[in-house]
């Protein structure tokens, strides 16, 4: 039996999922192929072969094209042609709203293959309009099952018409062991810095994070402490210069981080712009941080929380993040805040930095245990296996 797992473009997150599928499904006789629409996209600067796994075939429909540059018809025809050549018995489809996803679904219906939708969408993500939801439901009902992230994602697929018993969790995983590797090797230096990892776009809310950090610095000094931890920003994007300007307006020192990943900053308070980093550098950043901060205004899931918690970090997260619903237990694995409330965000940062090191370490250990129990790396493959057995 042959299953195709579809994504717009393959990157590190997808390799972890594909490896999970191979490990679980391969033991039951399934062959796995990754179907990638384009060789690059306009959003991520992933190296093409970064952490590519083994045990599965890889087909790229448009290897020399950018995903966003493809016309809808061209994309649909290319995906359909690739599936004609592969002839799978089942296709796991990333989403339902794009031409490539709908081409996968249509191909399955024409050829008697099982179609499984992979979704991390919640009803809370964006403004919902009744007639658009009705049209969406007509598409989603055609799938044979759904693989989703958490409970709110499962409810949304059921609301759109999939039978409850045919929606299982396990979509949103990372390679937990990989992100724990530096901590396990004893390189952790807790209390190094607050760490955030995002694209520099509006919905990631980094402007408010910088404002909150500035307020946290003032509070910290008013309480009679020395220097507060630095704030390290992983990532890049269109707002970079604006964010640097915001730091200077707040009289925060600005540093750039051109060297190898993860070393503890050499001075105290300030904001470090570490740039976009390939996945191989990330475990060291997590291992040397004191806490992870995720300020997004909204986020369907947020795999960076999986990464940080797998690396043994307590987290400070916006309450409107899908992963936080499942993984951030107040006072146990971290703290939640309203992402539009700068004062609340600052308070969470001060609260975390004020904790004794031993207690922060306990929270980090609880985070590591929770991510391993709730979203283990094999959950993706096991979820697909359950759905294939029932459809």
Protein backbone atom coordinates (compact mmCIF):
# COMPACT_ATOMS: atom_id res chain seq x y z
CA UNK A 1 0.00 0.00 0.00
CA UNK A 2 1.17 3.48 -0.85
CA UNK A 3 0.42 6.81 0.86
CA UNK A 4 1.40 10.25 -0.44
CA UNK A 5 1.86 13.05 2.10
CA UNK A 6 1.34 16.45 0.48
CA UNK A 7 2.86 19.81 1.42
CA UNK A 8 3.33 23.05 -0.49
CA UNK A 9 7.07 22.98 0.18
CA UNK A 10 9.15 20.71 2.39
CA UNK A 11 11.06 22.05 5.38
CA UNK A 12 12.29 20.81 8.75
CA UNK A 13 8.81 20.48 10.28
CA UNK A 14 7.71 18.29 7.41
CA UNK A 15 10.76 16.03 7.59
CA UNK A 16 9.91 15.21 11.21
CA UNK A 17 6.36 14.29 10.20
CA UNK A 18 7.53 12.20 7.27
CA UNK A 19 10.00 10.35 9.45
CA UNK A 20 7.19 9.63 11.92
CA UNK A 21 5.00 8.29 9.11
CA UNK A 22 7.77 6.04 7.83
CA UNK A 23 8.53 4.63 11.27
CA UNK A 24 4.91 3.81 12.10
CA UNK A 25 3.37 3.00 8.70
CA UNK A 26 6.43 1.25 7.30
CA UNK A 27 6.08 -1.41 9.98
CA UNK A 28 2.60 -2.20 8.65
CA UNK A 29 3.58 -2.42 4.98
CA UNK A 30 2.83 1.12 3.82
CA UNK A 31 5.19 2.90 1.45
CA UNK A 32 5.48 6.71 1.98
CA UNK A 33 6.06 9.38 -0.66
CA UNK A 34 6.42 13.10 0.08
CA UNK A 35 4.69 15.23 -2.57
CA UNK A 36 6.13 18.74 -2.60
CA UNK A 37 4.52 21.29 -4.91
CA UNK A 38 7.41 23.73 -5.35
CA UNK A 39 11.13 23.81 -4.60
CA UNK A 40 10.93 27.11 -2.71
CA UNK A 41 8.46 29.62 -1.32
CA UNK A 42 8.35 33.30 -0.45
CA UNK A 43 8.09 32.79 3.31
CA UNK A 44 10.90 30.55 4.58
CA UNK A 45 14.63 30.49 3.86
CA UNK A 46 15.05 26.81 4.61
CA UNK A 47 17.95 25.07 2.95
CA UNK A 48 16.48 22.63 0.47
CA UNK A 49 18.00 19.47 1.91
CA UNK A 50 17.99 20.53 5.57
CA UNK A 51 17.52 17.48 7.80
CA UNK A 52 16.00 15.41 4.99
CA UNK A 53 15.22 11.95 6.26
CA UNK A 54 15.30 8.54 4.70
CA UNK A 55 12.79 5.81 4.10
CA UNK A 56 10.47 7.81 1.86
CA UNK A 57 10.51 8.95 -1.74
CA UNK A 58 10.30 12.64 -2.59
CA UNK A 59 8.53 14.11 -5.61
CA UNK A 60 8.71 17.84 -6.34
CA UNK A 61 6.20 18.95 -8.95
CA UNK A 62 7.86 22.28 -9.77
CA UNK A 63 11.45 21.98 -8.43
CA UNK A 64 12.70 25.30 -9.85
CA UNK A 65 9.65 27.43 -9.03
CA UNK A 66 8.44 29.54 -6.11
CA UNK A 67 5.12 28.30 -4.72
CA UNK A 68 3.46 31.72 -4.67
CA UNK A 69 4.39 32.37 -8.31
CA UNK A 70 2.44 29.38 -9.63
CA UNK A 71 -0.88 30.06 -11.35
CA UNK A 72 -3.85 28.18 -9.87
CA UNK A 73 -4.55 26.11 -12.97
CA UNK A 74 -0.89 25.31 -13.52
CA UNK A 75 -0.56 24.16 -9.93
CA UNK A 76 -3.65 21.97 -10.06
CA UNK A 77 -2.63 20.32 -13.32
CA UNK A 78 0.88 19.69 -12.08
CA UNK A 79 -0.29 18.08 -8.84
CA UNK A 80 -2.85 15.92 -10.65
CA UNK A 81 -0.22 14.77 -13.12
CA UNK A 82 2.18 13.86 -10.31
CA UNK A 83 -0.51 11.79 -8.59
CA UNK A 84 -1.33 10.08 -11.89
CA UNK A 85 2.30 8.94 -11.98
CA UNK A 86 2.45 7.91 -8.30
CA UNK A 87 -0.95 6.14 -8.13
CA UNK A 88 -1.24 6.15 -4.30
CA UNK A 89 -3.89 4.30 -2.29
CA UNK A 90 -4.23 7.28 0.08
CA UNK A 91 -3.24 10.94 0.16
CA UNK A 92 -2.72 13.03 3.32
CA UNK A 93 -3.51 16.57 2.17
CA UNK A 94 -2.23 19.76 3.84
CA UNK A 95 -5.37 21.88 4.18
CA UNK A 96 -8.28 22.32 1.81
CA UNK A 97 -8.33 25.91 0.56
CA UNK A 98 -5.47 26.05 -1.94
CA UNK A 99 -5.47 24.80 -5.56
CA UNK A 100 -2.91 22.08 -4.81
CA UNK A 101 -4.90 20.75 -1.84
CA UNK A 102 -8.14 20.69 -3.82
CA UNK A 103 -6.39 18.98 -6.72
CA UNK A 104 -5.26 16.24 -4.31
CA UNK A 105 -8.81 15.80 -3.02
CA UNK A 106 -10.31 15.70 -6.53
CA UNK A 107 -7.73 13.17 -7.67
CA UNK A 108 -8.60 10.89 -4.74
CA UNK A 109 -12.31 11.05 -5.53
CA UNK A 110 -11.73 10.28 -9.20
CA UNK A 111 -9.43 7.37 -8.47
CA UNK A 112 -10.94 5.73 -5.39
CA UNK A 113 -8.05 6.69 -3.08
CA UNK A 114 -8.56 7.65 0.55
CA UNK A 115 -8.24 11.37 1.27
CA UNK A 116 -7.13 12.57 4.72
CA UNK A 117 -7.09 16.28 5.48
CA UNK A 118 -4.29 17.58 7.71
CA UNK A 119 -5.46 20.68 9.56
CA UNK A 120 -4.38 23.07 12.31
CA UNK A 121 -7.22 25.56 11.78
CA UNK A 122 -9.45 26.70 14.66
CA UNK A 123 -12.74 28.54 14.57
CA UNK A 124 -10.97 31.31 16.52
CA UNK A 125 -8.51 31.93 13.69
CA UNK A 126 -9.80 34.95 11.80
CA UNK A 127 -13.27 36.27 11.08
CA UNK A 128 -15.81 33.64 10.03
CA UNK A 129 -18.53 34.43 7.47
CA UNK A 130 -21.48 32.03 7.26
CA UNK A 131 -21.53 31.55 3.49
CA UNK A 132 -17.79 30.96 3.33
CA UNK A 133 -18.14 28.40 6.12
CA UNK A 134 -20.91 26.69 4.15
CA UNK A 135 -18.71 26.47 1.04
CA UNK A 136 -15.81 25.25 3.15
CA UNK A 137 -18.00 22.57 4.67
CA UNK A 138 -18.89 21.24 1.23
CA UNK A 139 -15.19 20.66 0.57
CA UNK A 140 -14.23 19.27 3.98
CA UNK A 141 -17.11 16.74 4.01
CA UNK A 142 -15.55 15.04 0.98
CA UNK A 143 -12.51 13.90 2.97
CA UNK A 144 -12.49 10.45 4.54
CA UNK A 145 -10.86 11.61 7.76
CA UNK A 146 -8.89 14.35 9.42
CA UNK A 147 -5.57 14.61 11.24
CA UNK A 148 -5.43 17.73 13.44
CA UNK A 149 -3.44 19.46 16.15
CA UNK A 150 -5.51 19.86 19.31
CA UNK A 151 -9.03 19.83 20.66
CA UNK A 152 -10.08 23.19 19.18
CA UNK A 153 -8.85 22.04 15.75
CA UNK A 154 -10.74 18.76 16.11
CA UNK A 155 -13.98 20.60 17.01
CA UNK A 156 -13.66 22.82 13.96
CA UNK A 157 -13.30 19.88 11.57
CA UNK A 158 -16.33 18.23 13.19
CA UNK A 159 -18.28 21.50 12.87
CA UNK A 160 -17.42 21.50 9.15
CA UNK A 161 -18.90 18.05 8.72
CA UNK A 162 -16.31 15.35 9.36
CA UNK A 163 -17.58 12.54 11.63
CA UNK A 164 -16.13 12.94 15.11
CA UNK A 165 -14.77 9.40 15.17
CA UNK A 166 -12.79 10.09 11.98
CA UNK A 167 -10.87 13.06 13.34
CA UNK A 168 -7.73 12.25 15.34
CA UNK A 169 -4.90 14.31 16.79
CA UNK A 170 -1.20 14.11 15.97
CA UNK A 171 -0.56 16.61 13.18
CA UNK A 172 1.51 19.21 15.04
CA UNK A 173 4.72 17.48 16.04
CA UNK A 174 8.45 18.20 15.90
CA UNK A 175 11.48 16.00 16.44
CA UNK A 176 11.44 16.26 20.23
CA UNK A 177 14.70 14.38 20.72
CA UNK A 178 16.51 16.73 18.33
CA UNK A 179 15.44 19.85 20.22
CA UNK A 180 16.36 18.23 23.54
CA UNK A 181 19.84 17.26 22.29
CA UNK A 182 21.81 20.21 23.68
CA UNK A 183 20.09 20.04 27.04
CA UNK A 184 20.84 16.32 27.27
CA UNK A 185 24.48 17.00 26.45
CA UNK A 186 24.74 19.26 29.47
CA UNK A 187 25.17 22.58 27.61
CA UNK A 188 22.27 24.37 29.30
CA UNK A 189 23.06 27.63 31.09
CA UNK A 190 19.65 28.58 32.48
CA UNK A 191 18.89 32.24 32.94
CA UNK A 192 20.71 33.34 29.79
CA UNK A 193 17.95 35.28 28.02
CA UNK A 194 14.35 35.54 26.95
CA UNK A 195 14.08 33.89 23.52
CA UNK A 196 11.49 34.48 20.79
CA UNK A 197 11.45 32.85 17.34
CA UNK A 198 9.19 34.31 14.65
CA UNK A 199 8.93 35.78 11.22
CA UNK A 200 9.00 39.56 11.53
CA UNK A 201 5.40 40.17 10.44
CA UNK A 202 2.55 42.05 12.13
CA UNK A 203 0.59 39.13 13.56
CA UNK A 204 3.65 37.89 15.46
CA UNK A 205 3.26 40.99 17.66
CA UNK A 206 6.97 41.64 18.13
CA UNK A 207 6.46 45.40 18.47
CA UNK A 208 4.45 44.86 21.63
CA UNK A 209 7.02 42.33 22.83
CA UNK A 210 9.74 44.99 22.61
CA UNK A 211 7.49 47.46 24.47
CA UNK A 212 6.83 44.81 27.11
CA UNK A 213 10.53 44.07 27.48
CA UNK A 214 11.24 47.77 27.96
CA UNK A 215 8.56 47.96 30.67
CA UNK A 216 9.92 44.77 32.28
CA UNK A 217 13.39 46.36 32.46
CA UNK A 218 11.94 49.40 34.27
CA UNK A 219 9.98 47.23 36.70
CA UNK A 220 13.02 45.05 37.36
CA UNK A 221 15.12 48.07 38.33
CA UNK A 222 12.33 49.53 40.46
CA UNK A 223 12.32 46.29 42.42
CA UNK A 224 16.00 46.77 43.19
CA UNK A 225 17.45 44.07 40.94
CA UNK A 226 20.49 44.34 38.70
CA UNK A 227 20.32 43.83 34.94
CA UNK A 228 17.38 41.90 33.47
CA UNK A 229 17.99 39.10 30.98
CA UNK A 230 18.49 40.21 27.37
CA UNK A 231 15.81 39.53 24.76
CA UNK A 232 16.99 37.46 21.78
CA UNK A 233 14.88 37.55 18.61
CA UNK A 234 15.37 34.69 16.15
CA UNK A 235 14.02 35.38 12.68
CA UNK A 236 13.82 38.07 10.05
CA UNK A 237 11.32 39.78 7.80
CA UNK A 238 9.79 42.98 6.51
CA UNK A 239 9.51 44.63 9.95
CA UNK A 240 13.16 44.29 10.94
CA UNK A 241 14.11 47.97 10.61
CA UNK A 242 10.90 49.11 12.28
CA UNK A 243 11.58 46.81 15.24
CA UNK A 244 15.15 48.08 15.55
CA UNK A 245 13.75 51.62 15.54
CA UNK A 246 11.28 50.70 18.28
CA UNK A 247 14.14 49.43 20.44
CA UNK A 248 16.03 52.70 20.02
CA UNK A 249 12.93 54.74 20.82
CA UNK A 250 12.68 52.79 24.08
CA UNK A 251 16.39 53.41 24.83
CA UNK A 252 17.12 49.70 24.59
CA UNK A 253 20.55 48.63 23.43
CA UNK A 254 20.46 46.86 20.06
CA UNK A 255 22.90 44.06 19.25
CA UNK A 256 23.38 41.86 16.23
CA UNK A 257 24.22 38.20 16.61
CA UNK A 258 26.29 37.13 13.57
CA UNK A 259 28.17 34.29 15.19
CA UNK A 260 27.34 30.62 15.74
CA UNK A 261 24.05 29.89 17.45
CA UNK A 262 23.25 29.66 21.09
CA UNK A 263 26.04 31.37 22.99
CA UNK A 264 24.88 33.42 25.98
CA UNK A 265 25.01 37.16 25.13
CA UNK A 266 28.15 38.79 26.56
CA UNK A 267 26.37 41.79 28.13
CA UNK A 268 23.12 42.41 29.99
CA UNK A 269 19.95 44.25 29.05
CA UNK A 270 19.18 44.82 25.41
CA UNK A 271 17.66 43.24 22.33
CA UNK A 272 19.69 40.85 20.19
CA UNK A 273 18.68 40.37 16.55
CA UNK A 274 20.00 36.89 15.80
CA UNK A 275 18.61 36.62 12.26
CA UNK A 276 17.05 33.63 10.54
CA UNK A 277 18.73 30.36 11.58
CA UNK A 278 18.66 26.94 10.00
CA UNK A 279 17.29 24.16 12.17
CA UNK A 280 20.71 22.77 13.10
CA UNK A 281 21.47 25.91 15.12
CA UNK A 282 18.22 26.06 17.09
CA UNK A 283 18.81 23.54 19.92
CA UNK A 284 21.73 25.59 21.27
CA UNK A 285 19.59 28.73 21.42
CA UNK A 286 16.90 26.87 23.36
CA UNK A 287 19.42 25.23 25.68
CA UNK A 288 21.02 28.53 26.70
CA UNK A 289 17.81 30.53 27.20
CA UNK A 290 16.04 31.10 30.49
CA UNK A 291 12.51 31.16 29.05
CA UNK A 292 10.73 31.23 25.69
CA UNK A 293 8.29 34.03 24.81
CA UNK A 294 5.62 33.74 22.10
CA UNK A 295 3.57 36.97 21.78
CA UNK A 296 1.54 36.21 18.61
CA UNK A 297 -1.81 37.97 18.24
CA UNK A 298 -3.20 34.73 16.87
CA UNK A 299 -1.62 31.44 15.85
CA UNK A 300 -3.40 28.28 14.69
CA UNK A 301 -0.78 26.19 16.49
CA UNK A 302 2.81 27.50 16.88
CA UNK A 303 5.38 24.71 16.58
CA UNK A 304 7.99 26.93 18.22
CA UNK A 305 6.29 26.08 21.53
CA UNK A 306 6.87 22.37 20.86
CA UNK A 307 10.52 23.12 20.10
CA UNK A 308 11.12 25.23 23.20
CA UNK A 309 9.37 22.81 25.55
CA UNK A 310 11.16 19.82 24.04
CA UNK A 311 14.36 21.75 24.78
CA UNK A 312 13.34 21.96 28.44
CA UNK A 313 12.25 25.61 28.52
CA UNK A 314 9.35 27.12 30.47
CA UNK A 315 7.24 29.29 28.16
CA UNK A 316 5.45 32.62 28.27
CA UNK A 317 2.73 32.58 25.63
CA UNK A 318 -0.13 34.55 24.20
CA UNK A 319 -3.39 32.93 25.25
CA UNK A 320 -4.56 33.03 21.59
CA UNK A 321 -2.12 30.36 20.40
CA UNK A 322 -3.39 26.89 19.54
CA UNK A 323 -0.42 25.07 21.07
CA UNK A 324 -0.79 27.06 24.29
CA UNK A 325 -4.31 25.67 24.74
CA UNK A 326 -2.80 22.20 24.98
CA UNK A 327 0.69 22.74 26.37
CA UNK A 328 0.89 25.80 28.61
CA UNK A 329 -0.40 24.89 32.05
CA UNK A 330 -0.42 28.02 34.17
CA UNK A 331 2.35 27.96 36.75
CA UNK A 332 3.38 24.44 35.77
CA UNK A 333 4.92 24.71 32.29
CA UNK A 334 4.74 28.49 31.95
CA UNK A 335 2.47 31.53 32.05
CA UNK A 336 -0.18 32.91 29.68
CA UNK A 337 -0.94 36.56 28.85
CA UNK A 338 -3.27 38.67 26.69
CA UNK A 339 -1.17 39.49 23.59
CA UNK A 340 -2.67 43.00 23.32
CA UNK A 341 -1.82 43.85 26.95
CA UNK A 342 1.76 45.09 27.06
CA UNK A 343 1.66 45.42 30.85
CA UNK A 344 0.50 41.81 31.28
CA UNK A 345 3.27 40.60 28.97
CA UNK A 346 5.86 42.60 30.91
CA UNK A 347 4.50 41.21 34.15
CA UNK A 348 4.89 37.65 32.89
CA UNK A 349 8.53 38.34 31.95
CA UNK A 350 9.32 39.81 35.35
CA UNK A 351 7.52 36.97 37.09
CA UNK A 352 9.53 34.36 35.20
CA UNK A 353 12.89 36.07 35.76
CA UNK A 354 12.07 36.43 39.47
CA UNK A 355 11.63 32.70 40.00
CA UNK A 356 14.43 30.81 41.71
CA UNK A 357 16.56 28.92 39.21
CA UNK A 358 15.51 25.60 40.73
CA UNK A 359 11.82 26.37 40.16
CA UNK A 360 12.43 27.46 36.56
CA UNK A 361 14.29 24.21 36.00
CA UNK A 362 11.31 22.29 37.39
CA UNK A 363 8.97 24.13 35.02
CA UNK A 364 11.27 23.36 32.11
CA UNK A 365 11.34 19.68 33.05
CA UNK A 366 7.52 19.66 33.30
CA UNK A 367 7.35 21.30 29.86
CA UNK A 368 9.61 18.62 28.39
CA UNK A 369 7.52 15.84 29.93
CA UNK A 370 4.24 17.36 28.76
CA UNK A 371 5.29 17.86 25.14
CA UNK A 372 6.55 14.28 25.04
CA UNK A 373 3.29 12.90 26.44
CA UNK A 374 0.85 15.13 24.52
CA UNK A 375 2.60 15.57 21.17
CA UNK A 376 5.27 12.87 20.83
CA UNK A 377 7.07 12.72 17.52
CA UNK A 378 5.43 9.41 16.59
CA UNK A 379 1.93 10.91 17.03
CA UNK A 380 1.83 11.94 13.36
CA UNK A 381 2.45 8.43 12.08
CA UNK A 382 0.14 6.88 14.66
CA UNK A 383 -2.62 9.31 13.73
CA UNK A 384 -2.35 8.42 10.06
CA UNK A 385 -2.32 4.72 10.93
CA UNK A 386 -5.55 5.03 12.92
CA UNK A 387 -7.26 6.86 10.10
CA UNK A 388 -6.12 4.39 7.45
CA UNK A 389 -7.43 1.52 9.56
CA UNK A 390 -10.89 3.05 9.87
CA UNK A 391 -11.39 4.49 6.36
